[in-house]
């Protein structure tokens, strides 16, 4: 279930694909927001992994920490791609243009 955060925002804000520049900018913002959320989740997940892994003999094998960090980063990316913990949605909501009511 890979639902685009931007598509959720565009449907709520009645933005259409008639403006390709706005759509492209929105998708770029969505990717940036997800990447940022993944960056924030990586140290949290790494801390959790270290807590539950304990000390094992595998920790002495050269390169183990590098592979663990790569796995943690991949997990953070996957979590963020599936909606994460809501940080990307907050960022996208903040990037939305303000609603201005045209009134005279």
N, C-alpha and C. Protein backbone atom coordinates (compact mmCIF):
# COMPACT_ATOMS: atom_id res chain seq x y z
N UNK A 1 0.85 -1.18 0.00
CA UNK A 1 0.00 0.00 0.00
C UNK A 1 0.88 1.23 0.00
N UNK A 2 1.36 1.62 -1.15
CA UNK A 2 2.23 2.78 -1.28
C UNK A 2 1.40 3.96 -1.76
N UNK A 3 0.88 4.72 -0.84
CA UNK A 3 0.01 5.84 -1.15
C UNK A 3 0.84 7.11 -1.12
N UNK A 4 0.73 7.90 -2.16
CA UNK A 4 1.48 9.14 -2.23
C UNK A 4 0.89 10.15 -1.27
N UNK A 5 1.74 10.71 -0.42
CA UNK A 5 1.29 11.76 0.50
C UNK A 5 0.82 12.96 -0.27
N UNK A 6 1.55 13.30 -1.35
CA UNK A 6 1.19 14.46 -2.14
C UNK A 6 -0.17 14.29 -2.78
N UNK A 7 -0.47 13.10 -3.29
CA UNK A 7 -1.78 12.87 -3.88
C UNK A 7 -2.88 13.06 -2.86
N UNK A 8 -2.63 12.66 -1.61
CA UNK A 8 -3.63 12.90 -0.57
C UNK A 8 -3.85 14.39 -0.36
N UNK A 9 -2.78 15.17 -0.36
CA UNK A 9 -2.90 16.61 -0.17
C UNK A 9 -3.57 17.27 -1.37
N UNK A 10 -3.22 16.84 -2.59
CA UNK A 10 -3.81 17.47 -3.77
C UNK A 10 -5.29 17.19 -3.86
N UNK A 11 -5.70 16.00 -3.48
CA UNK A 11 -7.13 15.70 -3.54
C UNK A 11 -7.90 16.50 -2.50
N UNK A 12 -7.27 16.74 -1.35
CA UNK A 12 -7.94 17.53 -0.32
C UNK A 12 -7.96 19.01 -0.66
N UNK A 13 -6.94 19.47 -1.38
CA UNK A 13 -6.84 20.89 -1.69
C UNK A 13 -7.33 21.21 -3.10
N UNK A 14 -7.91 20.25 -3.77
CA UNK A 14 -8.52 20.41 -5.09
C UNK A 14 -7.52 20.89 -6.13
N UNK A 15 -6.25 20.52 -5.98
CA UNK A 15 -5.24 20.84 -6.97
C UNK A 15 -5.34 19.78 -8.06
N UNK A 16 -5.24 20.18 -9.28
CA UNK A 16 -5.35 19.22 -10.38
C UNK A 16 -4.00 19.05 -11.07
N UNK A 17 -3.92 18.07 -11.91
CA UNK A 17 -2.71 17.82 -12.67
C UNK A 17 -2.62 18.74 -13.88
N UNK A 18 -3.53 19.74 -13.99
CA UNK A 18 -3.50 20.67 -15.11
C UNK A 18 -2.26 21.55 -15.06
N UNK A 19 -1.67 21.68 -13.89
CA UNK A 19 -0.45 22.48 -13.74
C UNK A 19 0.72 21.53 -13.49
N UNK A 20 1.41 21.11 -14.57
CA UNK A 20 2.49 20.13 -14.41
C UNK A 20 3.63 20.63 -13.54
N UNK A 21 3.89 21.93 -13.55
CA UNK A 21 4.97 22.48 -12.72
C UNK A 21 4.63 22.32 -11.24
N UNK A 22 3.38 22.58 -10.88
CA UNK A 22 2.97 22.44 -9.49
C UNK A 22 2.99 20.98 -9.06
N UNK A 23 2.60 20.09 -9.97
CA UNK A 23 2.61 18.67 -9.67
C UNK A 23 4.05 18.18 -9.47
N UNK A 24 4.95 18.62 -10.35
CA UNK A 24 6.35 18.22 -10.24
C UNK A 24 6.96 18.76 -8.94
N UNK A 25 6.65 19.99 -8.60
CA UNK A 25 7.17 20.58 -7.36
C UNK A 25 6.61 19.84 -6.15
N UNK A 26 5.35 19.45 -6.22
CA UNK A 26 4.73 18.72 -5.12
C UNK A 26 5.37 17.36 -4.91
N UNK A 27 5.65 16.67 -6.01
CA UNK A 27 6.29 15.36 -5.90
C UNK A 27 7.72 15.49 -5.38
N UNK A 28 8.39 16.55 -5.79
CA UNK A 28 9.75 16.81 -5.30
C UNK A 28 9.73 17.10 -3.80
N UNK A 29 8.75 17.88 -3.37
CA UNK A 29 8.60 18.18 -1.94
C UNK A 29 8.29 16.92 -1.14
N UNK A 30 7.46 16.05 -1.72
CA UNK A 30 7.11 14.80 -1.04
C UNK A 30 8.34 13.93 -0.84
N UNK A 31 9.16 13.81 -1.87
CA UNK A 31 10.37 13.01 -1.75
C UNK A 31 11.31 13.60 -0.69
N UNK A 32 11.46 14.91 -0.71
CA UNK A 32 12.32 15.57 0.28
C UNK A 32 11.79 15.36 1.69
N UNK A 33 10.48 15.44 1.87
CA UNK A 33 9.88 15.25 3.19
C UNK A 33 10.08 13.82 3.68
N UNK A 34 9.90 12.86 2.79
CA UNK A 34 10.11 11.45 3.17
C UNK A 34 11.57 11.18 3.49
N UNK A 35 12.47 11.73 2.68
CA UNK A 35 13.90 11.54 2.94
C UNK A 35 14.30 12.16 4.28
N UNK A 36 13.75 13.32 4.58
CA UNK A 36 14.04 13.97 5.85
C UNK A 36 13.52 13.13 7.02
N UNK A 37 12.31 12.60 6.88
CA UNK A 37 11.76 11.75 7.94
C UNK A 37 12.62 10.51 8.12
N UNK A 38 13.10 9.94 7.03
CA UNK A 38 13.97 8.76 7.12
C UNK A 38 15.27 9.11 7.84
N UNK A 39 15.80 10.31 7.56
CA UNK A 39 17.02 10.74 8.25
C UNK A 39 16.79 10.86 9.75
N UNK A 40 15.62 11.33 10.14
CA UNK A 40 15.31 11.46 11.56
C UNK A 40 15.06 10.11 12.21
N UNK A 41 14.49 9.18 11.46
CA UNK A 41 14.19 7.86 12.01
C UNK A 41 15.42 6.97 12.14
N UNK A 42 16.44 7.20 11.31
CA UNK A 42 17.62 6.33 11.30
C UNK A 42 18.30 6.22 12.66
N UNK A 43 18.62 7.33 13.35
CA UNK A 43 19.28 7.17 14.66
C UNK A 43 18.37 6.51 15.71
N UNK A 44 17.08 6.75 15.60
CA UNK A 44 16.14 6.13 16.55
C UNK A 44 16.13 4.62 16.35
N UNK A 45 16.01 4.19 15.10
CA UNK A 45 16.00 2.76 14.81
C UNK A 45 17.35 2.12 15.12
N UNK A 46 18.44 2.85 14.89
CA UNK A 46 19.77 2.33 15.20
C UNK A 46 19.91 2.12 16.70
N UNK A 47 19.41 3.05 17.48
CA UNK A 47 19.45 2.92 18.93
C UNK A 47 18.65 1.70 19.39
N UNK A 48 17.48 1.53 18.82
CA UNK A 48 16.65 0.37 19.16
C UNK A 48 17.35 -0.93 18.80
N UNK A 49 17.97 -0.95 17.62
CA UNK A 49 18.65 -2.16 17.18
C UNK A 49 19.80 -2.50 18.12
N UNK A 50 20.57 -1.51 18.53
CA UNK A 50 21.68 -1.75 19.45
C UNK A 50 21.18 -2.24 20.80
N UNK A 51 20.05 -1.71 21.24
CA UNK A 51 19.50 -2.11 22.54
C UNK A 51 19.09 -3.58 22.53
N UNK A 52 18.45 -4.01 21.47
CA UNK A 52 17.94 -5.37 21.43
C UNK A 52 18.96 -6.39 20.94
N UNK A 53 20.00 -5.93 20.24
CA UNK A 53 20.99 -6.86 19.71
C UNK A 53 21.93 -7.37 20.80
N UNK A 54 22.22 -6.52 21.76
CA UNK A 54 23.15 -6.94 22.80
C UNK A 54 24.55 -7.13 22.25
N UNK A 55 25.38 -7.80 22.99
CA UNK A 55 26.75 -8.09 22.54
C UNK A 55 26.79 -9.50 21.97
N UNK A 56 27.21 -9.58 20.74
CA UNK A 56 27.33 -10.90 20.12
C UNK A 56 28.72 -11.04 19.52
N UNK A 57 29.08 -12.26 19.20
CA UNK A 57 30.38 -12.50 18.58
C UNK A 57 30.45 -11.90 17.19
N UNK A 58 29.31 -11.72 16.54
CA UNK A 58 29.27 -11.14 15.20
C UNK A 58 29.76 -9.70 15.19
N UNK A 59 29.68 -9.01 16.33
CA UNK A 59 30.09 -7.61 16.40
C UNK A 59 31.57 -7.44 16.14
N UNK A 60 32.35 -8.49 16.31
CA UNK A 60 33.79 -8.40 16.09
C UNK A 60 34.19 -8.62 14.64
N UNK A 61 33.28 -9.01 13.79
CA UNK A 61 33.58 -9.25 12.38
C UNK A 61 33.70 -7.89 11.68
N UNK A 62 34.79 -7.68 10.93
CA UNK A 62 34.97 -6.40 10.23
C UNK A 62 33.81 -6.12 9.29
N UNK A 63 33.33 -4.90 9.32
CA UNK A 63 32.25 -4.48 8.43
C UNK A 63 30.86 -4.68 8.99
N UNK A 64 30.75 -5.33 10.13
CA UNK A 64 29.43 -5.61 10.69
C UNK A 64 28.66 -4.32 10.98
N UNK A 65 29.35 -3.35 11.57
CA UNK A 65 28.66 -2.10 11.90
C UNK A 65 28.21 -1.36 10.65
N UNK A 66 29.01 -1.45 9.58
CA UNK A 66 28.61 -0.79 8.33
C UNK A 66 27.34 -1.42 7.76
N UNK A 67 27.29 -2.74 7.75
CA UNK A 67 26.10 -3.42 7.24
C UNK A 67 24.89 -3.14 8.13
N UNK A 68 25.11 -3.06 9.44
CA UNK A 68 24.00 -2.76 10.35
C UNK A 68 23.47 -1.35 10.08
N UNK A 69 24.37 -0.39 9.85
CA UNK A 69 23.94 0.97 9.54
C UNK A 69 23.19 1.04 8.21
N UNK A 70 23.67 0.28 7.22
CA UNK A 70 22.98 0.25 5.93
C UNK A 70 21.58 -0.35 6.08
N UNK A 71 21.47 -1.41 6.86
CA UNK A 71 20.16 -2.04 7.08
C UNK A 71 19.23 -1.10 7.83
N UNK A 72 19.76 -0.40 8.82
CA UNK A 72 18.95 0.55 9.58
C UNK A 72 18.46 1.68 8.69
N UNK A 73 19.33 2.20 7.82
CA UNK A 73 18.93 3.27 6.90
C UNK A 73 17.87 2.77 5.93
N UNK A 74 18.00 1.53 5.43
CA UNK A 74 17.00 0.97 4.52
C UNK A 74 15.66 0.79 5.24
N UNK A 75 15.71 0.36 6.48
CA UNK A 75 14.48 0.22 7.26
C UNK A 75 13.82 1.58 7.47
N UNK A 76 14.61 2.59 7.79
CA UNK A 76 14.06 3.94 7.99
C UNK A 76 13.43 4.45 6.70
N UNK A 77 14.07 4.21 5.55
CA UNK A 77 13.51 4.62 4.26
C UNK A 77 12.17 3.92 4.00
N UNK A 78 12.11 2.63 4.31
CA UNK A 78 10.89 1.86 4.09
C UNK A 78 9.77 2.35 5.00
N UNK A 79 10.09 2.63 6.25
CA UNK A 79 9.08 3.14 7.18
C UNK A 79 8.56 4.49 6.70
N UNK A 80 9.47 5.38 6.30
CA UNK A 80 9.07 6.70 5.82
C UNK A 80 8.24 6.60 4.54
N UNK A 81 8.59 5.67 3.66
CA UNK A 81 7.84 5.50 2.40
C UNK A 81 6.41 5.03 2.65
N UNK A 82 6.20 4.35 3.75
CA UNK A 82 4.86 3.85 4.09
C UNK A 82 4.08 4.81 4.98
N UNK A 83 4.57 6.02 5.14
CA UNK A 83 3.84 6.99 5.95
C UNK A 83 4.58 7.37 7.20
N UNK A 84 5.55 6.58 7.61
CA UNK A 84 6.38 6.91 8.76
C UNK A 84 5.59 7.19 10.02
N UNK A 85 6.05 8.18 10.74
CA UNK A 85 5.38 8.55 11.99
C UNK A 85 4.68 9.90 11.86
N UNK A 86 4.54 10.39 10.63
CA UNK A 86 3.77 11.60 10.39
C UNK A 86 4.58 12.86 10.17
N UNK A 87 5.90 12.76 10.26
CA UNK A 87 6.73 13.95 10.09
C UNK A 87 6.63 14.47 8.66
N UNK A 88 6.69 13.58 7.69
CA UNK A 88 6.61 14.00 6.28
C UNK A 88 5.28 14.69 6.00
N UNK A 89 4.20 14.18 6.57
CA UNK A 89 2.89 14.82 6.37
C UNK A 89 2.87 16.22 6.96
N UNK A 90 3.48 16.40 8.13
CA UNK A 90 3.53 17.73 8.74
C UNK A 90 4.33 18.69 7.88
N UNK A 91 5.44 18.21 7.34
CA UNK A 91 6.26 19.06 6.47
C UNK A 91 5.49 19.46 5.23
N UNK A 92 4.82 18.50 4.61
CA UNK A 92 4.05 18.81 3.40
C UNK A 92 2.90 19.76 3.70
N UNK A 93 2.27 19.59 4.83
CA UNK A 93 1.19 20.49 5.21
C UNK A 93 1.73 21.91 5.38
N UNK A 94 2.93 22.02 5.94
CA UNK A 94 3.55 23.33 6.14
C UNK A 94 3.92 23.97 4.81
N UNK A 95 4.26 23.16 3.81
CA UNK A 95 4.67 23.68 2.51
C UNK A 95 3.50 24.06 1.61
N UNK A 96 2.29 23.70 1.99
CA UNK A 96 1.13 24.04 1.19
C UNK A 96 0.93 25.55 1.19
N UNK A 97 0.56 26.12 0.04
CA UNK A 97 0.31 27.56 0.01
C UNK A 97 -0.89 27.88 0.91
N UNK A 98 -0.85 29.03 1.55
CA UNK A 98 -1.96 29.39 2.42
C UNK A 98 -3.25 29.58 1.62
N UNK A 99 -4.35 29.23 2.24
CA UNK A 99 -5.64 29.39 1.58
C UNK A 99 -6.09 30.84 1.78
N UNK A 100 -6.29 31.50 0.68
CA UNK A 100 -6.71 32.90 0.73
C UNK A 100 -8.12 32.97 0.18
N UNK A 101 -8.99 33.52 0.99
CA UNK A 101 -10.36 33.67 0.50
C UNK A 101 -10.48 34.98 -0.24
N UNK A 102 -10.99 34.89 -1.44
CA UNK A 102 -11.18 36.10 -2.25
C UNK A 102 -12.48 36.76 -1.84
N UNK A 103 -12.35 37.83 -1.19
CA UNK A 103 -13.58 38.46 -0.74
C UNK A 103 -13.54 39.96 -0.91
N UNK A 104 -14.62 40.46 -1.39
CA UNK A 104 -14.80 41.90 -1.46
C UNK A 104 -16.11 42.21 -0.83
